Amino acid sequence: MKKAKPEKRFEKLYTDMFGMGEWATVLRDKKTGAQYLFYKYVSAGGLTPLLDKDGNPVIDEDSTK
Protein backbone atom coordinates (compact mmCIF):
# COMPACT_ATOMS: atom_id res chain seq x y z
CA MET A 1 0.00 0.00 0.00
CA LYS A 2 1.43 3.39 -1.05
CA LYS A 3 1.56 6.20 1.46
CA ALA A 4 0.19 9.56 0.37
CA LYS A 5 2.86 12.24 0.08
CA PRO A 6 2.46 14.92 2.75
CA GLU A 7 1.53 18.35 1.46
CA LYS A 8 4.52 20.67 1.17
CA ARG A 9 4.43 23.33 3.89
CA PHE A 10 6.58 25.94 2.11
CA GLU A 11 6.15 27.39 -1.34
CA LYS A 12 8.63 29.37 -3.39
CA LEU A 13 7.33 32.83 -4.31
CA TYR A 14 10.36 34.37 -6.01
CA THR A 15 13.99 33.56 -6.82
CA ASP A 16 16.72 35.92 -8.00
CA MET A 17 20.13 34.77 -9.25
CA PHE A 18 23.09 37.12 -8.73
CA GLY A 19 25.94 35.04 -10.13
CA MET A 20 27.45 31.59 -9.93
CA GLY A 21 26.38 30.05 -6.64
CA GLU A 22 24.67 33.20 -5.33
CA TRP A 23 20.88 33.46 -5.14
CA ALA A 24 17.99 34.56 -2.95
CA THR A 25 14.55 33.00 -2.63
CA VAL A 26 11.39 34.25 -0.91
CA LEU A 27 9.43 31.41 0.73
CA ARG A 28 5.96 31.39 2.28
CA ASP A 29 4.81 29.08 5.07
CA LYS A 30 1.40 27.83 3.90
CA LYS A 31 0.21 27.22 7.49
CA THR A 32 1.07 30.61 8.97
CA GLY A 33 1.41 32.87 5.92
CA ALA A 34 4.82 34.07 7.19
CA GLN A 35 7.37 34.93 4.52
CA TYR A 36 11.10 34.22 4.70
CA LEU A 37 14.19 35.14 2.71
CA PHE A 38 16.71 32.38 2.03
CA TYR A 39 20.08 33.58 0.73
CA LYS A 40 22.79 31.26 -0.56
CA TYR A 41 26.34 32.09 -1.53
CA VAL A 42 28.47 29.13 -2.71
CA SER A 43 28.47 26.80 0.34
CA ALA A 44 27.03 29.23 2.92
CA GLY A 45 23.45 30.36 3.38
CA GLY A 46 20.96 31.85 5.77
CA LEU A 47 17.25 32.11 6.44
CA THR A 48 15.49 35.11 7.99
CA PRO A 49 11.88 36.25 8.28
CA LEU A 50 10.86 39.17 6.09
CA LEU A 51 9.91 42.25 8.12
CA ASP A 52 7.76 45.25 7.24
CA LYS A 53 8.84 48.86 7.84
CA ASP A 54 7.73 48.64 11.50
CA GLY A 55 9.74 45.48 12.18
CA ASN A 56 6.75 43.13 12.17
CA PRO A 57 6.88 39.82 10.26
CA VAL A 58 5.36 39.90 6.77
CA ILE A 59 2.24 37.69 6.92
CA ASP A 60 0.16 36.80 3.88
CA GLU A 61 -3.27 36.38 5.48
CA ASP A 62 -4.83 35.06 2.24
CA SER A 63 -2.56 31.99 2.15
CA THR A 64 -3.87 30.58 5.43
CA LYS A 65 -7.56 30.47 4.41
PDB file of N, CA and C in Angstrom:
ATOM      1  N   MET A   1       0.844  -1.171   0.000  1.00  0.00           N
ATOM      2  CA  MET A   1       0.000   0.000   0.000  1.00  0.00           C
ATOM      3  C   MET A   1       0.897   1.246   0.000  1.00  0.00           C
ATOM      4  N   LYS A   2       0.640   2.167  -0.941  1.00  0.00           N
ATOM      5  CA  LYS A   2       1.430   3.390  -1.055  1.00  0.00           C
ATOM      6  C   LYS A   2       0.935   4.437  -0.077  1.00  0.00           C
ATOM      7  N   LYS A   3       1.905   5.094   0.560  1.00  0.00           N
ATOM      8  CA  LYS A   3       1.558   6.195   1.457  1.00  0.00           C
ATOM      9  C   LYS A   3       1.375   7.468   0.642  1.00  0.00           C
ATOM     10  N   ALA A   4       0.401   8.272   1.031  1.00  0.00           N
ATOM     11  CA  ALA A   4       0.193   9.558   0.368  1.00  0.00           C
ATOM     12  C   ALA A   4       1.321  10.508   0.760  1.00  0.00           C
ATOM     13  N   LYS A   5       1.804  11.265  -0.208  1.00  0.00           N
ATOM     14  CA  LYS A   5       2.856  12.239   0.084  1.00  0.00           C
ATOM     15  C   LYS A   5       2.262  13.374   0.903  1.00  0.00           C
ATOM     16  N   PRO A   6       2.964  13.785   1.962  1.00  0.00           N
ATOM     17  CA  PRO A   6       2.457  14.918   2.745  1.00  0.00           C
ATOM     18  C   PRO A   6       2.506  16.194   1.917  1.00  0.00           C
ATOM     19  N   GLU A   7       1.567  17.075   2.163  1.00  0.00           N
ATOM     20  CA  GLU A   7       1.532  18.349   1.456  1.00  0.00           C
ATOM     21  C   GLU A   7       2.744  19.180   1.862  1.00  0.00           C
ATOM     22  N   LYS A   8       3.356  19.832   0.887  1.00  0.00           N
ATOM     23  CA  LYS A   8       4.517  20.671   1.173  1.00  0.00           C
ATOM     24  C   LYS A   8       4.070  21.902   1.947  1.00  0.00           C
ATOM     25  N   ARG A   9       4.800  22.202   3.025  1.00  0.00           N
ATOM     26  CA  ARG A   9       4.432  23.329   3.886  1.00  0.00           C
ATOM     27  C   ARG A   9       4.888  24.669   3.325  1.00  0.00           C
ATOM     28  N   PHE A  10       6.028  24.681   2.632  1.00  0.00           N
ATOM     29  CA  PHE A  10       6.577  25.937   2.114  1.00  0.00           C
ATOM     30  C   PHE A  10       6.447  25.994   0.605  1.00  0.00           C
ATOM     31  N   GLU A  11       6.185  27.204   0.103  1.00  0.00           N
ATOM     32  CA  GLU A  11       6.147  27.394  -1.338  1.00  0.00           C
ATOM     33  C   GLU A  11       7.076  28.528  -1.717  1.00  0.00           C
ATOM     34  N   LYS A  12       7.694  28.383  -2.883  1.00  0.00           N
ATOM     35  CA  LYS A  12       8.633  29.370  -3.390  1.00  0.00           C
ATOM     36  C   LYS A  12       7.840  30.457  -4.110  1.00  0.00           C
ATOM     37  N   LEU A  13       8.022  31.716  -3.684  1.00  0.00           N
ATOM     38  CA  LEU A  13       7.326  32.830  -4.311  1.00  0.00           C
ATOM     39  C   LEU A  13       8.177  33.526  -5.363  1.00  0.00           C
ATOM     40  N   TYR A  14       9.481  33.590  -5.134  1.00  0.00           N
ATOM     41  CA  TYR A  14      10.357  34.368  -6.005  1.00  0.00           C
ATOM     42  C   TYR A  14      11.800  33.923  -5.807  1.00  0.00           C
ATOM     43  N   THR A  15      12.562  33.858  -6.892  1.00  0.00           N
ATOM     44  CA  THR A  15      13.993  33.558  -6.819  1.00  0.00           C
ATOM     45  C   THR A  15      14.743  34.529  -7.716  1.00  0.00           C
ATOM     46  N   ASP A  16      15.876  35.020  -7.229  1.00  0.00           N
ATOM     47  CA  ASP A  16      16.722  35.922  -8.001  1.00  0.00           C
ATOM     48  C   ASP A  16      18.154  35.389  -7.967  1.00  0.00           C
ATOM     49  N   MET A  17      18.754  35.254  -9.144  1.00  0.00           N
ATOM     50  CA  MET A  17      20.130  34.773  -9.253  1.00  0.00           C
ATOM     51  C   MET A  17      21.046  35.989  -9.415  1.00  0.00           C
ATOM     52  N   PHE A  18      22.159  36.004  -8.671  1.00  0.00           N
ATOM     53  CA  PHE A  18      23.091  37.124  -8.727  1.00  0.00           C
ATOM     54  C   PHE A  18      24.404  36.761  -9.410  1.00  0.00           C
ATOM     55  N   GLY A  19      24.703  35.507  -9.515  1.00  0.00           N
ATOM     56  CA  GLY A  19      25.939  35.043 -10.127  1.00  0.00           C
ATOM     57  C   GLY A  19      26.087  33.565  -9.853  1.00  0.00           C
ATOM     58  N   MET A  20      27.241  33.026 -10.159  1.00  0.00           N
ATOM     59  CA  MET A  20      27.453  31.593  -9.933  1.00  0.00           C
ATOM     60  C   MET A  20      27.423  31.286  -8.443  1.00  0.00           C
ATOM     61  N   GLY A  21      26.469  30.479  -8.024  1.00  0.00           N
ATOM     62  CA  GLY A  21      26.381  30.053  -6.637  1.00  0.00           C
ATOM     63  C   GLY A  21      25.789  31.073  -5.690  1.00  0.00           C
ATOM     64  N   GLU A  22      25.251  32.170  -6.204  1.00  0.00           N
ATOM     65  CA  GLU A  22      24.671  33.199  -5.332  1.00  0.00           C
ATOM     66  C   GLU A  22      23.236  33.469  -5.770  1.00  0.00           C
ATOM     67  N   TRP A  23      22.281  33.228  -4.841  1.00  0.00           N
ATOM     68  CA  TRP A  23      20.880  33.457  -5.141  1.00  0.00           C
ATOM     69  C   TRP A  23      20.077  33.702  -3.873  1.00  0.00           C
ATOM     70  N   ALA A  24      18.907  34.288  -4.065  1.00  0.00           N
ATOM     71  CA  ALA A  24      17.989  34.563  -2.954  1.00  0.00           C
ATOM     72  C   ALA A  24      16.600  34.073  -3.358  1.00  0.00           C
ATOM     73  N   THR A  25      15.888  33.511  -2.396  1.00  0.00           N
ATOM     74  CA  THR A  25      14.547  32.996  -2.631  1.00  0.00           C
ATOM     75  C   THR A  25      13.627  33.479  -1.524  1.00  0.00           C
ATOM     76  N   VAL A  26      12.413  33.902  -1.887  1.00  0.00           N
ATOM     77  CA  VAL A  26      11.388  34.245  -0.910  1.00  0.00           C
ATOM     78  C   VAL A  26      10.461  33.040  -0.791  1.00  0.00           C
ATOM     79  N   LEU A  27      10.277  32.567   0.434  1.00  0.00           N
ATOM     80  CA  LEU A  27       9.431  31.409   0.730  1.00  0.00           C
ATOM     81  C   LEU A  27       8.243  31.836   1.571  1.00  0.00           C
ATOM     82  N   ARG A  28       7.128  31.126   1.438  1.00  0.00           N
ATOM     83  CA  ARG A  28       5.958  31.388   2.280  1.00  0.00           C
ATOM     84  C   ARG A  28       5.554  30.094   2.969  1.00  0.00           C
ATOM     85  N   ASP A  29       5.330  30.189   4.277  1.00  0.00           N
ATOM     86  CA  ASP A  29       4.812  29.080   5.065  1.00  0.00           C
ATOM     87  C   ASP A  29       3.304  29.018   4.825  1.00  0.00           C
ATOM     88  N   LYS A  30       2.820  27.939   4.234  1.00  0.00           N
ATOM     89  CA  LYS A  30       1.399  27.827   3.899  1.00  0.00           C
ATOM     90  C   LYS A  30       0.503  27.777   5.135  1.00  0.00           C
ATOM     91  N   LYS A  31       1.031  27.312   6.271  1.00  0.00           N
ATOM     92  CA  LYS A  31       0.211  27.218   7.489  1.00  0.00           C
ATOM     93  C   LYS A  31       0.048  28.558   8.187  1.00  0.00           C
ATOM     94  N   THR A  32       1.112  29.357   8.225  1.00  0.00           N
ATOM     95  CA  THR A  32       1.074  30.609   8.974  1.00  0.00           C
ATOM     96  C   THR A  32       0.995  31.847   8.087  1.00  0.00           C
ATOM     97  N   GLY A  33       1.371  31.726   6.819  1.00  0.00           N
ATOM     98  CA  GLY A  33       1.413  32.865   5.919  1.00  0.00           C
ATOM     99  C   GLY A  33       2.687  33.686   6.048  1.00  0.00           C
ATOM    100  N   ALA A  34       3.566  33.327   6.983  1.00  0.00           N
ATOM    101  CA  ALA A  34       4.816  34.068   7.190  1.00  0.00           C
ATOM    102  C   ALA A  34       5.736  33.893   5.986  1.00  0.00           C
ATOM    103  N   GLN A  35       6.449  34.974   5.648  1.00  0.00           N
ATOM    104  CA  GLN A  35       7.375  34.929   4.519  1.00  0.00           C
ATOM    105  C   GLN A  35       8.811  35.017   5.022  1.00  0.00           C
ATOM    106  N   TYR A  36       9.692  34.303   4.319  1.00  0.00           N
ATOM    107  CA  TYR A  36      11.100  34.217   4.705  1.00  0.00           C
ATOM    108  C   TYR A  36      11.981  34.468   3.494  1.00  0.00           C
ATOM    109  N   LEU A  37      13.184  34.979   3.747  1.00  0.00           N
ATOM    110  CA  LEU A  37      14.192  35.138   2.711  1.00  0.00           C
ATOM    111  C   LEU A  37      15.295  34.124   2.965  1.00  0.00           C
ATOM    112  N   PHE A  38      15.580  33.301   1.965  1.00  0.00           N
ATOM    113  CA  PHE A  38      16.710  32.376   2.029  1.00  0.00           C
ATOM    114  C   PHE A  38      17.759  32.876   1.059  1.00  0.00           C
ATOM    115  N   TYR A  39      18.979  33.088   1.546  1.00  0.00           N
ATOM    116  CA  TYR A  39      20.081  33.583   0.729  1.00  0.00           C
ATOM    117  C   TYR A  39      21.188  32.538   0.730  1.00  0.00           C
ATOM    118  N   LYS A  40      21.718  32.241  -0.448  1.00  0.00           N
ATOM    119  CA  LYS A  40      22.794  31.256  -0.557  1.00  0.00           C
ATOM    120  C   LYS A  40      23.940  31.854  -1.357  1.00  0.00           C
ATOM    121  N   TYR A  41      25.135  31.674  -0.834  1.00  0.00           N
ATOM    122  CA  TYR A  41      26.344  32.088  -1.526  1.00  0.00           C
ATOM    123  C   TYR A  41      27.335  30.940  -1.456  1.00  0.00           C
ATOM    124  N   VAL A  42      27.591  30.293  -2.564  1.00  0.00           N
ATOM    125  CA  VAL A  42      28.465  29.130  -2.705  1.00  0.00           C
ATOM    126  C   VAL A  42      28.056  28.065  -1.693  1.00  0.00           C
ATOM    127  N   SER A  43      28.816  27.863  -0.615  1.00  0.00           N
ATOM    128  CA  SER A  43      28.470  26.803   0.339  1.00  0.00           C
ATOM    129  C   SER A  43      27.897  27.344   1.648  1.00  0.00           C
ATOM    130  N   ALA A  44      27.608  28.637   1.712  1.00  0.00           N
ATOM    131  CA  ALA A  44      27.030  29.234   2.917  1.00  0.00           C
ATOM    132  C   ALA A  44      25.629  29.751   2.595  1.00  0.00           C
ATOM    133  N   GLY A  45      24.798  29.848   3.603  1.00  0.00           N
ATOM    134  CA  GLY A  45      23.447  30.356   3.380  1.00  0.00           C
ATOM    135  C   GLY A  45      22.807  30.773   4.689  1.00  0.00           C
ATOM    136  N   GLY A  46      21.671  31.417   4.578  1.00  0.00           N
ATOM    137  CA  GLY A  46      20.965  31.851   5.769  1.00  0.00           C
ATOM    138  C   GLY A  46      19.489  32.055   5.487  1.00  0.00           C
ATOM    139  N   LEU A  47      18.690  31.959   6.525  1.00  0.00           N
ATOM    140  CA  LEU A  47      17.247  32.114   6.441  1.00  0.00           C
ATOM    141  C   LEU A  47      16.818  33.143   7.475  1.00  0.00           C
ATOM    142  N   THR A  48      15.971  34.090   7.069  1.00  0.00           N
ATOM    143  CA  THR A  48      15.494  35.113   7.988  1.00  0.00           C
ATOM    144  C   THR A  48      14.053  35.465   7.633  1.00  0.00           C
ATOM    145  N   PRO A  49      13.237  35.820   8.614  1.00  0.00           N
ATOM    146  CA  PRO A  49      11.880  36.253   8.281  1.00  0.00           C
ATOM    147  C   PRO A  49      11.912  37.625   7.608  1.00  0.00           C
ATOM    148  N   LEU A  50      10.992  37.846   6.685  1.00  0.00           N
ATOM    149  CA  LEU A  50      10.859  39.168   6.092  1.00  0.00           C
ATOM    150  C   LEU A  50      10.097  40.055   7.068  1.00  0.00           C
ATOM    151  N   LEU A  51      10.529  41.304   7.192  1.00  0.00           N
ATOM    152  CA  LEU A  51       9.913  42.247   8.118  1.00  0.00           C
ATOM    153  C   LEU A  51       9.380  43.450   7.356  1.00  0.00           C
ATOM    154  N   ASP A  52       8.283  44.030   7.850  1.00  0.00           N
ATOM    155  CA  ASP A  52       7.764  45.247   7.240  1.00  0.00           C
ATOM    156  C   ASP A  52       8.515  46.456   7.800  1.00  0.00           C
ATOM    157  N   LYS A  53       8.116  47.653   7.429  1.00  0.00           N
ATOM    158  CA  LYS A  53       8.845  48.865   7.836  1.00  0.00           C
ATOM    159  C   LYS A  53       8.805  49.105   9.341  1.00  0.00           C
ATOM    160  N   ASP A  54       7.829  48.489  10.048  1.00  0.00           N
ATOM    161  CA  ASP A  54       7.726  48.644  11.500  1.00  0.00           C
ATOM    162  C   ASP A  54       8.421  47.524  12.264  1.00  0.00           C
ATOM    163  N   GLY A  55       9.030  46.591  11.542  1.00  0.00           N
ATOM    164  CA  GLY A  55       9.743  45.484  12.182  1.00  0.00           C
ATOM    165  C   GLY A  55       8.870  44.282  12.482  1.00  0.00           C
ATOM    166  N   ASN A  56       7.654  44.270  11.969  1.00  0.00           N
ATOM    167  CA  ASN A  56       6.755  43.125  12.170  1.00  0.00           C
ATOM    168  C   ASN A  56       6.931  42.125  11.034  1.00  0.00           C
ATOM    169  N   PRO A  57       6.753  40.829  11.319  1.00  0.00           N
ATOM    170  CA  PRO A  57       6.883  39.824  10.256  1.00  0.00           C
ATOM    171  C   PRO A  57       5.846  40.049   9.153  1.00  0.00           C
ATOM    172  N   VAL A  58       6.267  39.811   7.907  1.00  0.00           N
ATOM    173  CA  VAL A  58       5.355  39.900   6.771  1.00  0.00           C
ATOM    174  C   VAL A  58       4.513  38.633   6.753  1.00  0.00           C
ATOM    175  N   ILE A  59       3.191  38.808   6.888  1.00  0.00           N
ATOM    176  CA  ILE A  59       2.244  37.692   6.917  1.00  0.00           C
ATOM    177  C   ILE A  59       1.271  37.855   5.775  1.00  0.00           C
ATOM    178  N   ASP A  60       1.125  36.806   4.974  1.00  0.00           N
ATOM    179  CA  ASP A  60       0.155  36.795   3.881  1.00  0.00           C
ATOM    180  C   ASP A  60      -1.101  36.105   4.409  1.00  0.00           C
ATOM    181  N   GLU A  61      -2.050  36.907   4.850  1.00  0.00           N
ATOM    182  CA  GLU A  61      -3.273  36.379   5.479  1.00  0.00           C
ATOM    183  C   GLU A  61      -4.083  35.504   4.518  1.00  0.00           C
ATOM    184  N   ASP A  62      -4.048  35.805   3.225  1.00  0.00           N
ATOM    185  CA  ASP A  62      -4.825  35.059   2.243  1.00  0.00           C
ATOM    186  C   ASP A  62      -4.357  33.619   2.080  1.00  0.00           C
ATOM    187  N   SER A  63      -3.085  33.341   2.366  1.00  0.00           N
ATOM    188  CA  SER A  63      -2.556  31.993   2.148  1.00  0.00           C
ATOM    189  C   SER A  63      -2.990  31.009   3.224  1.00  0.00           C
ATOM    190  N   THR A  64      -3.506  31.477   4.337  1.00  0.00           N
ATOM    191  CA  THR A  64      -3.871  30.581   5.433  1.00  0.00           C
ATOM    192  C   THR A  64      -5.345  30.229   5.428  1.00  0.00           C
ATOM    193  N   LYS A  65      -6.114  30.732   4.464  1.00  0.00           N
ATOM    194  CA  LYS A  65      -7.558  30.468   4.412  1.00  0.00           C
ATOM    195  C   LYS A  65      -7.856  29.180   3.715  1.00  0.00           C
TER     196      LYS A  65
END
